N, C-alpha and C. Protein backbone atom coordinates (compact mmCIF):
# COMPACT_ATOMS: atom_id res chain seq x y z
N UNK A 1 39.05 134.92 25.35
CA UNK A 1 39.58 135.48 26.58
C UNK A 1 38.40 135.97 27.42
N UNK A 2 38.40 135.61 28.70
CA UNK A 2 37.32 136.02 29.59
C UNK A 2 37.37 137.51 29.91
N UNK A 3 36.23 138.04 30.35
CA UNK A 3 36.11 139.48 30.65
C UNK A 3 37.09 139.91 31.74
N UNK A 4 37.24 139.11 32.80
CA UNK A 4 38.15 139.46 33.90
C UNK A 4 39.58 139.53 33.39
N UNK A 5 39.97 138.55 32.60
CA UNK A 5 41.34 138.53 32.06
C UNK A 5 41.56 139.69 31.10
N UNK A 6 40.56 139.99 30.27
CA UNK A 6 40.67 141.11 29.33
C UNK A 6 40.83 142.43 30.08
N UNK A 7 40.04 142.63 31.14
CA UNK A 7 40.13 143.84 31.95
C UNK A 7 41.51 143.96 32.59
N UNK A 8 42.02 142.87 33.13
CA UNK A 8 43.35 142.88 33.76
C UNK A 8 44.43 143.22 32.73
N UNK A 9 44.31 142.68 31.52
CA UNK A 9 45.27 142.97 30.46
C UNK A 9 45.23 144.44 30.07
N UNK A 10 44.02 145.00 29.89
CA UNK A 10 43.90 146.42 29.53
C UNK A 10 44.48 147.33 30.61
N UNK A 11 44.24 147.00 31.87
CA UNK A 11 44.78 147.80 32.97
C UNK A 11 46.30 147.71 33.02
N UNK A 12 46.85 146.53 32.76
CA UNK A 12 48.31 146.37 32.75
C UNK A 12 48.93 147.18 31.62
N UNK A 13 48.33 147.15 30.44
CA UNK A 13 48.85 147.94 29.32
C UNK A 13 48.79 149.44 29.62
N UNK A 14 47.73 149.87 30.30
CA UNK A 14 47.52 151.29 30.57
C UNK A 14 48.53 151.87 31.55
N UNK A 15 49.22 151.03 32.32
CA UNK A 15 50.22 151.55 33.26
C UNK A 15 51.32 152.31 32.54
N UNK A 16 51.61 151.92 31.32
CA UNK A 16 52.57 152.63 30.48
C UNK A 16 51.84 152.98 29.19
N UNK A 17 51.24 154.20 29.13
CA UNK A 17 50.41 154.53 27.97
C UNK A 17 51.16 154.47 26.64
N UNK A 18 52.45 154.70 26.64
CA UNK A 18 53.22 154.64 25.40
C UNK A 18 53.02 155.87 24.52
N UNK A 19 53.57 155.78 23.34
CA UNK A 19 53.53 156.89 22.37
C UNK A 19 52.15 157.02 21.74
N UNK A 20 51.79 158.26 21.41
CA UNK A 20 50.58 158.49 20.63
C UNK A 20 50.86 158.14 19.18
N UNK A 21 49.93 157.46 18.56
CA UNK A 21 50.00 157.15 17.14
C UNK A 21 48.74 157.66 16.48
N UNK A 22 48.86 158.07 15.22
CA UNK A 22 47.68 158.55 14.50
C UNK A 22 47.16 157.43 13.61
N UNK A 23 45.85 157.28 13.60
CA UNK A 23 45.19 156.27 12.78
C UNK A 23 44.38 157.00 11.71
N UNK A 24 44.52 156.58 10.47
CA UNK A 24 43.74 157.19 9.38
C UNK A 24 42.27 156.84 9.57
N UNK A 25 41.41 157.85 9.40
CA UNK A 25 39.97 157.63 9.47
C UNK A 25 39.53 157.22 8.07
N UNK A 26 39.16 155.97 7.92
CA UNK A 26 38.82 155.42 6.61
C UNK A 26 37.32 155.51 6.34
N UNK A 27 36.94 155.32 5.08
CA UNK A 27 35.53 155.29 4.73
C UNK A 27 34.81 154.15 5.44
N UNK A 28 35.49 153.01 5.60
CA UNK A 28 34.88 151.88 6.33
C UNK A 28 34.59 152.26 7.78
N UNK A 29 35.53 152.97 8.42
CA UNK A 29 35.31 153.41 9.80
C UNK A 29 34.12 154.36 9.87
N UNK A 30 34.04 155.28 8.92
CA UNK A 30 32.93 156.24 8.90
C UNK A 30 31.58 155.53 8.69
N UNK A 31 31.60 154.46 7.90
CA UNK A 31 30.37 153.70 7.65
C UNK A 31 29.99 152.90 8.90
N UNK A 32 30.96 152.24 9.51
CA UNK A 32 30.68 151.38 10.66
C UNK A 32 30.42 152.16 11.95
N UNK A 33 30.97 153.36 12.05
CA UNK A 33 30.82 154.20 13.24
C UNK A 33 30.35 155.58 12.79
N UNK A 34 29.04 155.77 12.62
CA UNK A 34 28.50 157.02 12.06
C UNK A 34 28.95 158.29 12.77
N UNK A 35 29.27 158.21 14.06
CA UNK A 35 29.72 159.42 14.76
C UNK A 35 31.08 159.90 14.24
N UNK A 36 31.78 159.06 13.48
CA UNK A 36 33.08 159.45 12.90
C UNK A 36 32.94 160.08 11.51
N UNK A 37 31.71 160.31 11.05
CA UNK A 37 31.49 160.81 9.69
C UNK A 37 32.35 162.02 9.37
N UNK A 38 32.45 162.97 10.28
CA UNK A 38 33.22 164.20 10.04
C UNK A 38 34.51 164.25 10.84
N UNK A 39 34.94 163.14 11.36
CA UNK A 39 36.15 163.08 12.17
C UNK A 39 37.37 163.38 11.30
N UNK A 40 38.24 164.26 11.80
CA UNK A 40 39.45 164.64 11.08
C UNK A 40 40.64 163.75 11.43
N UNK A 41 40.76 163.41 12.72
CA UNK A 41 41.92 162.65 13.18
C UNK A 41 41.53 161.72 14.31
N UNK A 42 42.24 160.61 14.40
CA UNK A 42 42.12 159.70 15.53
C UNK A 42 43.53 159.37 16.00
N UNK A 43 43.77 159.57 17.30
CA UNK A 43 45.04 159.20 17.90
C UNK A 43 44.76 158.11 18.93
N UNK A 44 45.75 157.28 19.20
CA UNK A 44 45.59 156.25 20.22
C UNK A 44 46.93 155.92 20.84
N UNK A 45 46.87 155.41 22.06
CA UNK A 45 48.04 154.82 22.72
C UNK A 45 47.54 153.61 23.49
N UNK A 46 48.30 153.10 24.43
CA UNK A 46 47.89 151.90 25.16
C UNK A 46 46.71 152.13 26.09
N UNK A 47 46.37 153.40 26.37
CA UNK A 47 45.35 153.69 27.37
C UNK A 47 44.10 154.36 26.80
N UNK A 48 44.27 155.24 25.82
CA UNK A 48 43.16 156.05 25.32
C UNK A 48 43.07 156.05 23.79
N UNK A 49 41.88 156.41 23.33
CA UNK A 49 41.69 156.79 21.93
C UNK A 49 41.08 158.18 21.95
N UNK A 50 41.56 159.05 21.07
CA UNK A 50 41.06 160.41 20.97
C UNK A 50 40.61 160.67 19.54
N UNK A 51 39.39 161.17 19.41
CA UNK A 51 38.82 161.48 18.11
C UNK A 51 38.67 162.99 18.03
N UNK A 52 39.19 163.60 16.95
CA UNK A 52 39.19 165.06 16.83
C UNK A 52 38.35 165.52 15.64
N UNK A 53 37.53 166.54 15.90
CA UNK A 53 36.63 167.11 14.90
C UNK A 53 36.87 168.62 14.86
N UNK A 54 37.05 169.19 13.66
CA UNK A 54 37.18 170.64 13.53
C UNK A 54 35.81 171.28 13.66
N UNK A 55 35.75 172.36 14.43
CA UNK A 55 34.50 173.08 14.64
C UNK A 55 34.76 174.56 14.36
N UNK A 56 34.03 175.13 13.41
CA UNK A 56 34.15 176.56 13.15
C UNK A 56 33.32 177.30 14.19
N UNK A 57 33.88 178.38 14.73
CA UNK A 57 33.18 179.15 15.76
C UNK A 57 33.55 180.62 15.62
N UNK A 58 32.83 181.50 16.30
CA UNK A 58 33.16 182.93 16.24
C UNK A 58 34.56 183.27 16.74
N UNK A 59 35.17 182.39 17.55
CA UNK A 59 36.52 182.68 18.06
C UNK A 59 37.60 182.03 17.20
N UNK A 60 37.20 181.35 16.15
CA UNK A 60 38.16 180.68 15.27
C UNK A 60 37.98 179.18 15.30
N UNK A 61 38.97 178.47 14.83
CA UNK A 61 38.89 177.02 14.77
C UNK A 61 39.05 176.38 16.13
N UNK A 62 38.06 175.63 16.53
CA UNK A 62 38.06 174.91 17.79
C UNK A 62 38.08 173.42 17.43
N UNK A 63 38.73 172.62 18.24
CA UNK A 63 38.71 171.18 18.06
C UNK A 63 37.81 170.56 19.12
N UNK A 64 36.89 169.71 18.70
CA UNK A 64 36.14 168.86 19.63
C UNK A 64 36.97 167.59 19.77
N UNK A 65 37.37 167.29 20.98
CA UNK A 65 38.22 166.12 21.23
C UNK A 65 37.47 165.15 22.14
N UNK A 66 37.12 163.99 21.57
CA UNK A 66 36.47 162.93 22.35
C UNK A 66 37.57 162.02 22.90
N UNK A 67 37.59 161.85 24.21
CA UNK A 67 38.61 161.04 24.87
C UNK A 67 37.92 159.81 25.46
N UNK A 68 38.36 158.63 25.03
CA UNK A 68 37.76 157.37 25.49
C UNK A 68 38.86 156.47 26.02
N UNK A 69 38.62 155.88 27.17
CA UNK A 69 39.55 154.92 27.75
C UNK A 69 39.30 153.57 27.10
N UNK A 70 40.34 152.89 26.63
CA UNK A 70 40.18 151.56 26.03
C UNK A 70 39.46 150.63 27.00
N UNK A 71 38.52 149.87 26.47
CA UNK A 71 37.78 148.92 27.29
C UNK A 71 36.70 149.56 28.14
N UNK A 72 36.53 150.90 28.02
CA UNK A 72 35.52 151.62 28.79
C UNK A 72 35.64 151.27 30.29
N UNK A 73 36.90 151.14 30.75
CA UNK A 73 37.14 150.65 32.10
C UNK A 73 36.82 151.67 33.18
N UNK A 74 37.30 152.88 33.00
CA UNK A 74 37.11 153.90 34.03
C UNK A 74 37.23 155.26 33.36
N UNK A 75 36.77 156.27 34.07
CA UNK A 75 36.84 157.63 33.54
C UNK A 75 38.28 158.13 33.56
N UNK A 76 38.53 159.14 32.77
CA UNK A 76 39.85 159.76 32.69
C UNK A 76 39.88 160.97 33.62
N UNK A 77 40.90 161.05 34.48
CA UNK A 77 40.94 162.15 35.44
C UNK A 77 41.49 163.43 34.81
N UNK A 78 41.38 164.51 35.58
CA UNK A 78 41.73 165.85 35.11
C UNK A 78 43.18 165.92 34.64
N UNK A 79 44.11 165.37 35.41
CA UNK A 79 45.53 165.45 35.05
C UNK A 79 45.81 164.69 33.75
N UNK A 80 45.14 163.56 33.56
CA UNK A 80 45.33 162.81 32.31
C UNK A 80 44.81 163.60 31.11
N UNK A 81 43.65 164.24 31.27
CA UNK A 81 43.10 165.05 30.17
C UNK A 81 44.03 166.20 29.84
N UNK A 82 44.59 166.84 30.86
CA UNK A 82 45.52 167.94 30.64
C UNK A 82 46.74 167.45 29.85
N UNK A 83 47.26 166.29 30.22
CA UNK A 83 48.42 165.73 29.52
C UNK A 83 48.07 165.35 28.08
N UNK A 84 46.88 164.81 27.86
CA UNK A 84 46.45 164.46 26.51
C UNK A 84 46.41 165.70 25.62
N UNK A 85 45.80 166.77 26.11
CA UNK A 85 45.73 168.02 25.33
C UNK A 85 47.14 168.54 25.05
N UNK A 86 48.00 168.52 26.06
CA UNK A 86 49.39 168.96 25.90
C UNK A 86 50.10 168.11 24.84
N UNK A 87 49.97 166.80 24.94
CA UNK A 87 50.65 165.89 24.00
C UNK A 87 50.16 166.07 22.56
N UNK A 88 48.86 166.25 22.38
CA UNK A 88 48.30 166.27 21.02
C UNK A 88 48.23 167.66 20.40
N UNK A 89 48.09 168.71 21.23
CA UNK A 89 47.89 170.05 20.68
C UNK A 89 48.95 171.06 21.11
N UNK A 90 49.81 170.69 22.05
CA UNK A 90 50.87 171.59 22.49
C UNK A 90 50.62 172.14 23.87
N UNK A 91 51.69 172.66 24.50
CA UNK A 91 51.61 173.09 25.89
C UNK A 91 50.92 174.44 26.12
N UNK A 92 50.68 175.21 25.06
CA UNK A 92 50.17 176.57 25.26
C UNK A 92 48.68 176.73 24.96
N UNK A 93 47.97 175.64 24.72
CA UNK A 93 46.55 175.76 24.39
C UNK A 93 45.69 175.45 25.62
N UNK A 94 44.50 176.03 25.61
CA UNK A 94 43.52 175.77 26.64
C UNK A 94 42.45 174.84 26.07
N UNK A 95 41.92 174.00 26.93
CA UNK A 95 40.78 173.16 26.58
C UNK A 95 39.77 173.26 27.71
N UNK A 96 38.51 173.17 27.36
CA UNK A 96 37.45 173.22 28.37
C UNK A 96 36.56 172.00 28.22
N UNK A 97 35.95 171.61 29.31
CA UNK A 97 34.96 170.54 29.32
C UNK A 97 33.68 171.17 29.81
N UNK A 98 32.60 170.99 29.09
CA UNK A 98 31.34 171.65 29.40
C UNK A 98 30.36 170.64 29.98
N UNK A 99 29.70 171.04 31.04
CA UNK A 99 28.69 170.20 31.67
C UNK A 99 27.33 170.87 31.46
N UNK A 100 26.56 170.39 30.48
CA UNK A 100 25.28 171.02 30.18
C UNK A 100 24.22 170.69 31.23
N UNK A 101 23.11 171.44 31.22
CA UNK A 101 22.01 171.07 32.11
C UNK A 101 21.58 169.62 31.83
N UNK A 102 21.07 168.95 32.84
CA UNK A 102 20.70 167.54 32.74
C UNK A 102 19.79 167.27 31.54
N UNK A 103 18.81 168.12 31.28
CA UNK A 103 17.88 167.86 30.18
C UNK A 103 18.55 167.93 28.81
N UNK A 104 19.74 168.50 28.72
CA UNK A 104 20.47 168.57 27.46
C UNK A 104 21.61 167.56 27.39
N UNK A 105 21.76 166.80 28.44
CA UNK A 105 22.90 165.88 28.53
C UNK A 105 22.80 164.79 27.47
N UNK A 106 23.93 164.50 26.89
CA UNK A 106 24.04 163.41 25.93
C UNK A 106 24.15 162.13 26.73
N UNK A 107 23.24 161.22 26.51
CA UNK A 107 23.20 159.97 27.27
C UNK A 107 23.97 158.87 26.54
N UNK A 108 24.92 158.27 27.23
CA UNK A 108 25.68 157.17 26.67
C UNK A 108 26.21 156.31 27.81
N UNK A 109 26.46 155.07 27.53
CA UNK A 109 27.06 154.19 28.52
C UNK A 109 28.58 154.27 28.50
N UNK A 110 29.13 154.96 27.50
CA UNK A 110 30.57 155.10 27.42
C UNK A 110 31.08 156.10 28.44
N UNK A 111 32.25 155.84 28.97
CA UNK A 111 32.91 156.81 29.84
C UNK A 111 33.75 157.69 28.93
N UNK A 112 33.08 158.63 28.29
CA UNK A 112 33.72 159.50 27.30
C UNK A 112 33.81 160.91 27.86
N UNK A 113 34.90 161.58 27.56
CA UNK A 113 35.06 163.00 27.90
C UNK A 113 35.10 163.76 26.59
N UNK A 114 34.35 164.86 26.53
CA UNK A 114 34.38 165.72 25.35
C UNK A 114 35.03 167.02 25.77
N UNK A 115 36.19 167.30 25.18
CA UNK A 115 36.93 168.52 25.46
C UNK A 115 36.84 169.43 24.25
N UNK A 116 36.89 170.71 24.48
CA UNK A 116 36.89 171.70 23.41
C UNK A 116 38.23 172.41 23.48
N UNK A 117 39.08 172.16 22.49
CA UNK A 117 40.43 172.73 22.46
C UNK A 117 40.33 174.06 21.73
N UNK A 118 40.68 175.12 22.45
CA UNK A 118 40.50 176.49 21.94
C UNK A 118 41.68 176.91 21.07
N UNK A 119 41.44 177.86 20.14
CA UNK A 119 42.55 178.35 19.32
C UNK A 119 43.60 179.02 20.20
N UNK A 120 44.86 178.83 19.88
CA UNK A 120 45.93 179.42 20.69
C UNK A 120 45.93 180.93 20.61
N UNK A 121 45.25 181.49 19.62
CA UNK A 121 45.18 182.95 19.46
C UNK A 121 44.08 183.58 20.30
N UNK A 122 43.29 182.76 20.97
CA UNK A 122 42.16 183.28 21.74
C UNK A 122 42.47 183.19 23.22
N UNK A 123 42.40 184.32 23.91
CA UNK A 123 42.69 184.37 25.35
C UNK A 123 41.43 183.99 26.14
N UNK A 124 41.53 182.97 26.93
CA UNK A 124 40.42 182.54 27.77
C UNK A 124 40.15 183.63 28.81
N UNK A 125 38.92 184.18 28.86
CA UNK A 125 38.65 185.32 29.75
C UNK A 125 38.42 184.95 31.21
N UNK A 126 38.50 183.67 31.54
CA UNK A 126 38.34 183.23 32.93
C UNK A 126 39.25 182.03 33.13
N UNK A 127 39.49 181.69 34.37
CA UNK A 127 40.32 180.53 34.66
C UNK A 127 41.32 180.82 35.77
N UNK A 128 42.12 179.81 36.09
CA UNK A 128 43.09 179.95 37.17
C UNK A 128 44.20 180.94 36.84
N UNK A 129 44.37 181.27 35.57
CA UNK A 129 45.45 182.16 35.16
C UNK A 129 45.07 183.64 35.27
N UNK A 130 43.81 183.98 35.54
CA UNK A 130 43.41 185.39 35.61
C UNK A 130 43.54 185.90 37.05
N UNK A 131 43.71 187.20 37.15
CA UNK A 131 43.98 187.82 38.45
C UNK A 131 42.86 187.59 39.47
N UNK A 132 41.61 187.51 39.02
CA UNK A 132 40.48 187.35 39.94
C UNK A 132 40.18 185.92 40.33
N UNK A 133 41.04 184.98 39.98
CA UNK A 133 40.78 183.60 40.34
C UNK A 133 40.81 183.42 41.86
N UNK A 134 40.18 182.38 42.31
CA UNK A 134 40.07 182.04 43.73
C UNK A 134 39.32 183.10 44.52
N UNK A 135 38.49 183.89 43.82
CA UNK A 135 37.64 184.87 44.51
C UNK A 135 38.35 186.12 44.95
N UNK A 136 39.56 186.35 44.47
CA UNK A 136 40.29 187.56 44.87
C UNK A 136 39.57 188.79 44.34
N UNK A 137 39.15 189.70 45.22
CA UNK A 137 38.47 190.90 44.74
C UNK A 137 39.40 191.77 43.92
N UNK A 138 38.90 192.27 42.82
CA UNK A 138 39.64 193.18 41.94
C UNK A 138 40.99 192.61 41.50
N UNK A 139 41.13 191.30 41.56
CA UNK A 139 42.36 190.67 41.08
C UNK A 139 43.56 190.92 41.98
N UNK A 140 43.35 191.33 43.22
CA UNK A 140 44.48 191.60 44.14
C UNK A 140 44.94 190.33 44.83
């Protein structure tokens, strides 16, 4: 199948992402894809694959969630990422995406998003949900 036809097929499938399914992370996958060595879970649908890693932190258990669009066609927008976190971790959790300084940036040709899903027991001290959002002085 040619590249143009493959791209068209992937885009057509992505119009209806479908149900999330979980894929077992096997020893063969860990051998063939070293970045999956400590991967706990992999979910996929017609549009994305998500790889989840448990991370211990001072605020409790955090999940590192790598979000990749099938075929590396295009980046995933904010609303899609929000829906992915909601679908996989529930509607009440917060996730953040961190943009490090350029000299610390992880260089890759993949259009990958790395989200950090926070424990539901930890209150995010900033964000659109706090009284001082949008520059409101003293939260008024």
